Protein backbone atom coordinates (compact mmCIF):
# COMPACT_ATOMS: atom_id res chain seq x y z
CA MET A 1 -26.23 -47.35 8.15
CA THR A 2 -25.97 -51.17 8.21
CA SER A 3 -22.77 -53.03 7.77
CA PRO A 4 -22.22 -54.98 4.51
CA PRO A 5 -23.10 -58.71 4.46
CA VAL A 6 -20.35 -61.06 5.39
CA LEU A 7 -19.17 -64.12 3.45
CA ILE A 8 -17.80 -66.77 5.81
CA ASP A 9 -14.44 -68.35 4.66
CA SER A 10 -13.94 -72.04 5.25
CA ASP A 11 -11.24 -71.51 7.86
CA VAL A 12 -13.65 -69.66 10.12
CA ALA A 13 -16.39 -72.09 9.48
CA ILE A 14 -14.05 -75.06 10.38
CA ASP A 15 -12.88 -73.25 13.54
CA PHE A 16 -16.46 -72.61 14.53
CA LEU A 17 -17.36 -76.28 14.08
CA LYS A 18 -14.32 -77.24 16.22
CA GLY A 19 -15.41 -74.85 18.94
CA GLU A 20 -12.54 -72.30 18.60
CA GLU A 21 -13.34 -69.61 21.10
CA TYR A 22 -12.67 -66.61 18.83
CA SER A 23 -15.20 -67.73 16.22
CA LEU A 24 -18.14 -68.56 18.53
CA PRO A 25 -19.65 -65.11 19.37
CA VAL A 26 -19.41 -63.67 15.84
CA LEU A 27 -20.79 -66.75 13.98
CA SER A 28 -23.39 -67.46 16.60
CA GLN A 29 -24.63 -63.93 16.14
CA LEU A 30 -24.63 -64.17 12.28
CA LEU A 31 -26.42 -67.59 12.38
CA ARG A 32 -29.12 -66.34 14.75
CA ALA A 33 -29.72 -63.19 12.57
CA ARG A 34 -29.84 -65.36 9.33
CA ARG A 35 -26.85 -63.29 8.07
CA ALA A 36 -24.45 -66.09 7.78
CA TRP A 37 -23.49 -66.42 4.08
CA ILE A 38 -21.23 -69.15 2.71
CA SER A 39 -20.09 -69.97 -0.78
CA VAL A 40 -20.61 -73.45 -2.19
CA LEU A 41 -16.79 -73.46 -2.66
CA SER A 42 -16.30 -73.05 1.14
CA ILE A 43 -18.90 -75.76 1.73
CA TYR A 44 -16.73 -78.05 -0.48
CA GLU A 45 -13.63 -77.20 1.69
CA VAL A 46 -15.56 -77.77 4.95
CA TYR A 47 -16.82 -81.19 3.78
CA ALA A 48 -13.42 -82.11 2.39
CA GLY A 49 -11.84 -81.61 5.84
CA MET A 50 -14.64 -83.20 7.78
CA ARG A 51 -13.68 -86.10 10.05
CA PRO A 52 -15.87 -89.07 11.05
CA GLY A 53 -18.35 -88.02 13.68
CA GLU A 54 -18.59 -84.39 12.46
CA GLU A 55 -21.34 -85.00 9.86
CA LYS A 56 -24.35 -83.88 11.89
CA ALA A 57 -22.74 -80.65 13.21
CA THR A 58 -21.46 -79.89 9.68
CA GLU A 59 -24.87 -80.45 8.11
CA ALA A 60 -26.60 -78.35 10.76
CA PHE A 61 -24.12 -75.47 10.22
CA VAL A 62 -24.50 -75.50 6.48
CA ARG A 63 -28.34 -75.64 6.74
CA CYS A 64 -28.27 -72.47 8.87
CA CYS A 65 -26.19 -70.54 6.27
CA ARG A 66 -27.37 -68.77 3.23
CA ILE A 67 -25.52 -70.32 0.22
CA LEU A 68 -23.98 -68.42 -2.62
CA PHE A 69 -23.05 -69.95 -5.97
CA VAL A 70 -20.57 -69.01 -8.64
CA ASP A 71 -21.93 -67.70 -11.88
CA GLN A 72 -20.24 -66.49 -15.10
CA GLU A 73 -19.78 -62.95 -13.98
CA ILE A 74 -18.13 -64.03 -10.71
CA ALA A 75 -15.82 -66.39 -12.69
CA ARG A 76 -14.89 -63.60 -14.99
CA ARG A 77 -14.12 -61.24 -12.09
CA ALA A 78 -12.13 -63.98 -10.40
CA ALA A 79 -9.90 -64.53 -13.45
CA GLY A 80 -9.29 -60.77 -13.50
CA ARG A 81 -8.45 -60.82 -9.81
CA TYR A 82 -6.05 -63.66 -10.44
CA GLN A 83 -4.28 -61.83 -13.22
CA ARG A 84 -4.12 -58.52 -11.42
CA PHE A 85 -2.49 -59.95 -8.36
CA ARG A 86 -0.21 -62.28 -10.35
CA ARG A 87 1.26 -59.24 -12.16
CA ARG A 88 2.16 -57.95 -8.67
CA GLY A 89 3.82 -61.17 -7.72
CA ILE A 90 0.99 -62.42 -5.51
CA THR A 91 -0.35 -65.92 -6.46
CA LEU A 92 -3.87 -66.64 -5.14
CA THR A 93 -5.63 -69.97 -5.33
CA THR A 94 -8.61 -70.48 -7.63
CA VAL A 95 -10.95 -70.81 -4.65
CA ASP A 96 -9.64 -67.59 -3.04
CA CYS A 97 -10.04 -65.77 -6.38
CA LEU A 98 -13.58 -66.96 -6.71
CA LEU A 99 -14.48 -66.16 -3.03
CA GLY A 100 -12.95 -62.70 -3.33
CA ALA A 101 -14.74 -62.06 -6.60
CA THR A 102 -18.05 -63.27 -5.06
CA ALA A 103 -17.67 -60.86 -2.20
CA LEU A 104 -16.69 -57.97 -4.43
CA HIS A 105 -19.53 -58.68 -6.90
CA LEU A 106 -22.14 -58.83 -4.11
CA ARG A 107 -20.57 -55.96 -2.01
CA MET A 108 -19.76 -58.20 0.89
CA ARG A 109 -16.84 -58.52 3.22
CA ILE A 110 -15.04 -61.82 3.94
CA LEU A 111 -14.74 -63.28 7.43
CA SER A 112 -11.34 -65.01 7.45
CA ARG A 113 -8.11 -65.47 9.29
CA ASN A 114 -6.35 -65.86 5.86
CA THR A 115 -5.21 -62.30 5.42
CA LYS A 116 -2.92 -63.03 2.56
CA HIS A 117 -5.68 -64.64 0.52
CA TYR A 118 -7.69 -61.36 0.29
CA PRO A 119 -5.24 -58.48 -0.17
CA GLU A 120 -7.82 -55.88 -1.31
CA PRO A 121 -8.22 -53.08 1.19
CA GLY A 122 -11.43 -53.20 3.09
CA LEU A 123 -12.53 -56.71 1.82
CA LEU A 124 -11.48 -58.75 4.80
CA VAL A 125 -12.94 -58.88 8.27
CA ASN A 126 -9.88 -60.29 10.08
CA LEU A 127 -10.57 -62.67 12.94
CA ALA A 128 -6.99 -63.70 13.66
CA PRO A 129 -6.98 -65.20 17.18
């Protein structure tokens, strides 16, 4: 049985672009296998945090990823996710709600160090260094 596809969160993408040791083997393998998925929302976050001189590497990384977009069903699921966790006293950002809903809708897991952003059991692939 194959493992579920993995959605790369912006924190791991940024760490990879900075050469953080923990991220290199996993992301290199996903990129080589064309199994690196990223949301357009994470692309926004990566570009927003980009510094001068990082444009080429960032563009190359994004070109190697398979890009996922938000549609109406994902937006609806994200709103439900926000409400469900808010009732439990957990406030998630809009982007984290949308990324979580994307992964759940497409039966993916999320590759992230941000464990608090994805509290659903089994959703997160934790890469905390």
